[in-house]
Protein backbone atom coordinates (compact mmCIF):
# COMPACT_ATOMS: atom_id res chain seq x y z
CA MET A 1 -15.42 0.36 -2.72
CA ASN A 2 -15.35 3.76 -1.61
CA SER A 3 -14.99 5.49 2.10
CA PRO A 4 -16.07 8.77 3.07
CA SER A 5 -13.22 10.51 4.02
CA ALA A 6 -12.26 9.00 8.13
CA ALA A 7 -10.44 11.74 10.63
CA THR A 8 -9.01 10.60 13.27
CA SER A 9 -7.51 12.99 16.47
CA PRO A 10 -4.75 10.86 17.81
CA GLU A 11 -3.84 13.78 20.48
CA PRO A 12 -3.59 17.48 20.29
CA GLY A 13 -2.84 19.45 17.78
CA PHE A 14 -1.85 16.03 15.52
CA THR A 15 -5.16 15.31 12.85
CA LEU A 16 -5.14 12.54 10.10
CA SER A 17 -8.20 12.63 7.61
CA TYR A 18 -7.61 9.83 5.02
CA GLY A 19 -9.79 8.07 2.21
CA TYR A 20 -9.98 4.75 0.06
CA GLY A 21 -11.14 3.03 -3.00
CA THR A 22 -10.83 0.14 -5.18
CA ASP A 23 -12.52 -0.69 -8.14
CA ARG A 24 -12.60 -4.11 -10.03
CA GLY A 25 -10.89 -2.43 -13.33
CA LEU A 26 -12.13 -2.94 -16.26
CA SER A 27 -10.79 -6.20 -17.17
CA ARG A 28 -10.21 -7.83 -14.41
CA GLU A 29 -13.02 -10.31 -13.47
CA LEU A 30 -11.98 -9.59 -9.63
CA ASN A 31 -11.03 -7.95 -7.61
CA GLU A 32 -8.33 -10.20 -5.60
CA ASP A 33 -6.83 -6.47 -3.52
CA SER A 34 -7.67 -5.72 -0.44
CA LEU A 35 -6.84 -3.25 1.95
CA ILE A 36 -7.41 -1.39 6.08
CA ALA A 37 -7.96 2.18 6.52
CA GLU A 38 -8.42 1.64 10.02
CA ASP A 39 -5.91 4.32 12.80
CA PRO A 40 -3.68 3.60 12.85
CA VAL A 41 -2.34 1.42 9.65
CA PHE A 42 -3.13 1.87 6.47
CA ALA A 43 -2.19 -0.52 3.89
CA VAL A 44 -3.39 -2.12 0.43
CA ALA A 45 -2.32 -5.87 -0.52
CA ASP A 46 -3.13 -7.79 -3.64
CA GLY A 47 -3.35 -11.48 -4.39
CA MET A 48 -1.95 -13.14 -5.98
CA GLY A 49 -3.48 -16.63 -7.55
CA GLY A 50 -6.12 -17.79 -10.05
CA HIS A 51 -9.92 -19.79 -8.51
CA GLU A 52 -10.30 -16.99 -5.69
CA ALA A 53 -7.43 -17.50 -4.17
CA GLY A 54 -6.01 -14.29 -4.26
CA GLU A 55 -8.77 -12.89 -2.99
CA ILE A 56 -8.05 -15.39 0.02
CA ALA A 57 -5.01 -14.43 0.18
CA SER A 58 -5.52 -11.17 0.81
CA ALA A 59 -8.32 -10.30 2.66
CA LEU A 60 -6.22 -12.58 5.46
CA CYS A 61 -3.10 -10.49 5.06
CA VAL A 62 -5.09 -7.40 6.05
CA ARG A 63 -7.70 -9.28 8.64
CA THR A 64 -4.34 -10.02 10.24
CA LEU A 65 -3.27 -7.16 10.30
CA GLY A 66 -6.65 -6.25 11.96
CA SER A 67 -6.32 -8.17 14.72
CA MET A 68 -2.89 -6.96 15.80
CA PRO A 69 -3.36 -5.73 19.71
CA GLN A 70 -0.48 -3.26 19.14
CA LEU A 71 -3.13 -2.00 15.89
CA ALA A 72 -5.74 -1.25 17.99
CA SER A 73 -7.82 2.10 17.56
CA GLY A 74 -5.52 4.87 19.20
CA VAL A 75 -2.16 2.50 19.45
CA ARG A 76 0.59 3.99 19.36
CA SER A 77 2.92 1.56 19.73
CA ALA A 78 3.77 -1.10 17.03
CA THR A 79 7.15 -1.50 15.45
CA ALA A 80 8.76 -3.16 13.28
CA VAL A 81 9.50 -5.97 15.18
CA ALA A 82 6.09 -5.97 15.75
CA MET A 83 4.85 -5.67 12.12
CA GLN A 84 7.34 -8.23 11.11
CA GLU A 85 5.33 -10.82 13.19
CA CYS A 86 2.53 -10.12 11.53
CA ILE A 87 3.35 -10.63 8.59
CA LEU A 88 5.14 -14.05 9.04
CA ALA A 89 1.99 -14.79 11.15
CA ALA A 90 -0.50 -13.58 8.23
CA ASP A 91 1.93 -15.83 5.63
CA SER A 92 1.69 -18.58 7.11
CA GLN A 93 -2.27 -18.29 7.48
CA ILE A 94 -2.32 -18.21 3.58
CA ARG A 95 0.45 -20.73 3.49
CA ASN A 96 -1.80 -23.28 5.71
CA ALA A 97 -5.40 -21.90 3.40
CA THR A 98 -4.20 -22.05 -0.11
CA GLY A 99 -2.09 -25.00 0.15
CA GLY A 100 0.63 -22.35 -1.44
CA ARG A 101 -0.93 -21.44 -4.26
CA ALA A 102 -1.55 -18.42 -3.70
CA GLY A 103 0.65 -15.38 -2.50
CA THR A 104 0.27 -11.35 -1.25
CA THR A 105 1.66 -8.05 -1.45
CA LEU A 106 1.73 -5.55 0.38
CA THR A 107 2.55 -1.69 1.43
CA GLY A 108 2.01 0.79 4.15
CA VAL A 109 2.08 3.09 6.58
CA VAL A 110 1.34 1.82 10.23
CA VAL A 111 1.54 5.59 12.92
CA ALA A 112 3.70 4.86 15.42
CA GLU A 113 5.10 7.36 18.48
CA HIS A 114 9.00 7.03 19.57
CA MET A 115 9.95 9.11 22.65
CA GLY A 116 6.30 10.70 21.24
CA VAL A 117 6.96 12.01 17.94
CA PRO A 118 4.78 10.53 15.29
CA TYR A 119 6.23 8.57 12.42
CA TRP A 120 5.42 6.53 9.75
CA LEU A 121 6.70 3.13 10.08
CA VAL A 122 6.72 2.15 6.92
CA MET A 123 6.17 -1.66 5.13
CA ASN A 124 6.67 -3.32 1.92
CA ILE A 125 6.29 -7.04 -0.42
CA GLY A 126 6.37 -7.11 -3.60
CA ASP A 127 5.78 -4.17 -5.86
CA SER A 128 2.32 -2.25 -4.09
CA ARG A 129 3.79 0.66 -3.98
CA THR A 130 3.84 3.77 -0.69
CA TYR A 131 4.29 7.13 -2.01
CA ARG A 132 4.82 9.90 0.22
CA LEU A 133 4.05 13.82 -0.94
CA SER A 134 5.78 16.58 1.04
CA ARG A 135 6.50 19.69 1.30
CA GLY A 136 6.43 19.47 -2.67
CA ASP A 137 8.64 17.01 -2.67
CA PHE A 138 7.06 13.57 -3.98
CA ARG A 139 8.57 9.93 -4.35
CA GLN A 140 7.99 6.44 -3.60
CA ILE A 141 9.08 5.52 -0.40
CA SER A 142 9.34 2.19 -1.07
CA VAL A 143 11.54 -0.55 -3.19
CA ASP A 144 9.74 -3.07 -5.97
CA HIS A 145 10.77 -6.45 -5.00
CA SER A 146 10.49 -6.56 -8.74
CA GLU A 147 12.39 -8.56 -11.22
CA VAL A 148 12.50 -5.26 -13.35
CA GLN A 149 13.32 -3.06 -10.32
CA GLU A 150 16.00 -5.28 -9.83
CA LEU A 151 16.61 -4.65 -13.41
CA VAL A 152 15.89 -1.35 -13.33
CA GLU A 153 19.12 -1.74 -10.12
CA ALA A 154 21.18 -2.86 -12.17
CA GLY A 155 21.64 -0.29 -15.43
CA SER A 156 19.53 -2.91 -17.88
CA ILE A 157 16.01 -0.39 -18.23
CA THR A 158 15.75 2.46 -17.56
CA ARG A 159 12.29 2.75 -14.50
CA GLU A 160 10.12 4.44 -18.46
CA GLU A 161 11.13 0.19 -19.83
CA ALA A 162 9.54 -1.43 -16.66
CA MET A 163 6.32 0.16 -17.03
CA VAL A 164 5.67 -1.81 -20.25
CA HIS A 165 8.44 -4.71 -19.58
CA PRO A 166 6.94 -8.04 -20.59
CA ARG A 167 8.00 -9.13 -17.03
CA ARG A 168 7.17 -6.24 -15.18
CA HIS A 169 4.29 -7.69 -13.08
CA VAL A 170 6.59 -10.52 -12.14
CA VAL A 171 7.66 -10.16 -8.12
CA THR A 172 11.19 -11.44 -6.11
CA ARG A 173 9.07 -11.27 -2.76
CA ALA A 174 5.03 -11.61 -1.41
CA LEU A 175 3.06 -14.09 1.25
CA GLY A 176 1.77 -16.66 0.63
CA THR A 177 3.96 -18.53 -1.82
CA GLY A 178 7.09 -20.17 -0.75
CA GLY A 179 8.93 -17.73 -1.07
CA GLU A 180 10.75 -14.74 1.02
CA ASN A 181 8.88 -12.99 3.47
CA GLU A 182 10.19 -10.80 4.85
CA ALA A 183 8.14 -7.41 3.88
CA ASP A 184 11.13 -4.59 4.45
CA PHE A 185 10.75 -0.82 6.98
CA TRP A 186 11.33 2.81 6.88
CA LEU A 187 10.55 5.79 9.90
CA LEU A 188 10.24 9.00 8.78
CA PRO A 189 8.88 11.96 11.20
CA ILE A 190 6.07 12.64 10.43
CA GLN A 191 6.16 16.65 9.45
CA ASP A 192 2.78 19.01 8.51
CA GLY A 193 1.15 18.32 5.87
CA ASP A 194 2.06 15.24 5.01
CA ARG A 195 0.24 12.84 2.57
CA MET A 196 0.56 9.18 1.79
CA LEU A 197 -0.27 7.13 -1.34
CA ILE A 198 -0.62 3.70 -0.92
CA CYS A 199 -2.10 1.78 -3.45
CA SER A 200 -1.93 -1.12 -6.15
CA ASP A 201 0.41 -1.87 -9.04
CA GLY A 202 -3.53 -1.56 -11.07
CA LEU A 203 -2.35 2.36 -10.49
CA THR A 204 0.81 2.35 -10.22
CA GLY A 205 1.15 0.66 -13.67
CA GLU A 206 -1.80 2.45 -15.72
CA LEU A 207 -0.34 6.66 -14.83
CA SER A 208 3.27 8.05 -13.81
CA ASP A 209 5.07 8.92 -10.96
CA GLU A 210 4.25 12.28 -12.50
CA HIS A 211 0.45 11.61 -13.08
CA MET A 212 -0.49 11.24 -9.45
CA SER A 213 1.95 13.65 -8.62
CA ARG A 214 0.00 16.46 -9.65
CA ILE A 215 -3.38 15.26 -8.85
CA LEU A 216 -2.71 14.34 -5.39
CA SER A 217 -0.76 18.24 -5.58
CA ALA A 218 -3.94 19.20 -6.53
CA VAL A 219 -6.79 18.32 -5.23
CA GLU A 220 -7.00 18.76 -0.88
CA LYS A 221 -9.68 16.27 -0.12
CA PRO A 222 -8.27 12.32 0.46
CA GLN A 223 -11.51 11.35 -0.37
CA ASP A 224 -11.28 12.99 -3.01
CA ALA A 225 -7.86 12.44 -4.55
CA VAL A 226 -8.57 8.41 -4.36
CA ASP A 227 -11.60 8.76 -6.11
CA ALA A 228 -9.53 10.71 -8.92
CA LEU A 229 -6.35 8.52 -9.38
CA ILE A 230 -8.97 5.71 -9.51
CA GLN A 231 -10.63 7.06 -12.18
CA GLU A 232 -8.07 8.20 -13.87
CA ALA A 233 -7.16 5.06 -14.33
CA LEU A 234 -9.58 3.25 -15.56
CA LEU A 235 -9.53 6.02 -18.36
CA SER A 236 -5.74 4.56 -18.87
CA GLY A 237 -7.04 1.10 -19.35
CA GLY A 238 -7.43 -0.20 -15.63
CA ARG A 239 -6.50 -3.50 -17.05
CA ASP A 240 -5.35 -4.78 -13.00
CA ASN A 241 -7.31 -3.86 -9.83
CA VAL A 242 -6.64 -0.26 -8.58
CA THR A 243 -6.59 -0.10 -4.96
CA ALA A 244 -5.71 3.36 -3.14
CA ILE A 245 -5.34 5.36 0.40
CA VAL A 246 -4.42 8.74 0.95
CA VAL A 247 -3.90 9.68 4.17
CA ASP A 248 -2.86 13.81 5.25
CA ALA A 249 -1.09 14.68 8.62
CA ARG A 250 -1.73 18.14 9.70
CA ILE A 251 0.45 18.61 13.05
CA GLU A 252 0.06 21.71 14.68
């Protein structure tokens, strides 16, 4: 599913433009990823669970975000506390709907204003990822909640080894599965020219950070960048569902 690039101007001198897309990939029968890209919230959820349960979990997650009053179009009042309350509500809905048989990751950004200054409020639970390309510097903002990330932090394996580790898909936090359901948050001032990438592990499992950075640095329009990222992931194997959102910020 692809959509034409969209642009919003929440206030004079501040403009967001974005694109998004998702693909079932070349190996999976179902697409269990879900996304929301409706200013001010941009998020990806990667469902886990057989017999369509993962699809239900991820869809319930983004639907809960979409119904949150603090995330209505043009609203800039969301806080980490409010977002965690929303995430807990999504967790409860998923448990009720699937009986604990399914879960989902969640990562993304909310555009929030504090004292008139716009910020990226980054949220994450699980191993989907949020990156920022800012003034030539590309880096992962979110920190994976996964077994291999714990091994990397302990110095037991390298980041390169983590990409091919047999337990690389085992998450240590998720919504709906009975484990820990508290998200991590980061608040980053929005810089002119910022480009945010929000994606499922179907993208990061196929493309290195360097590969993604090259595409994001070379392709001007957000939707074109999304399309290029997904196409490259499919060419690299497409072994999982692939979902990406690219959000650009301009401050005048």
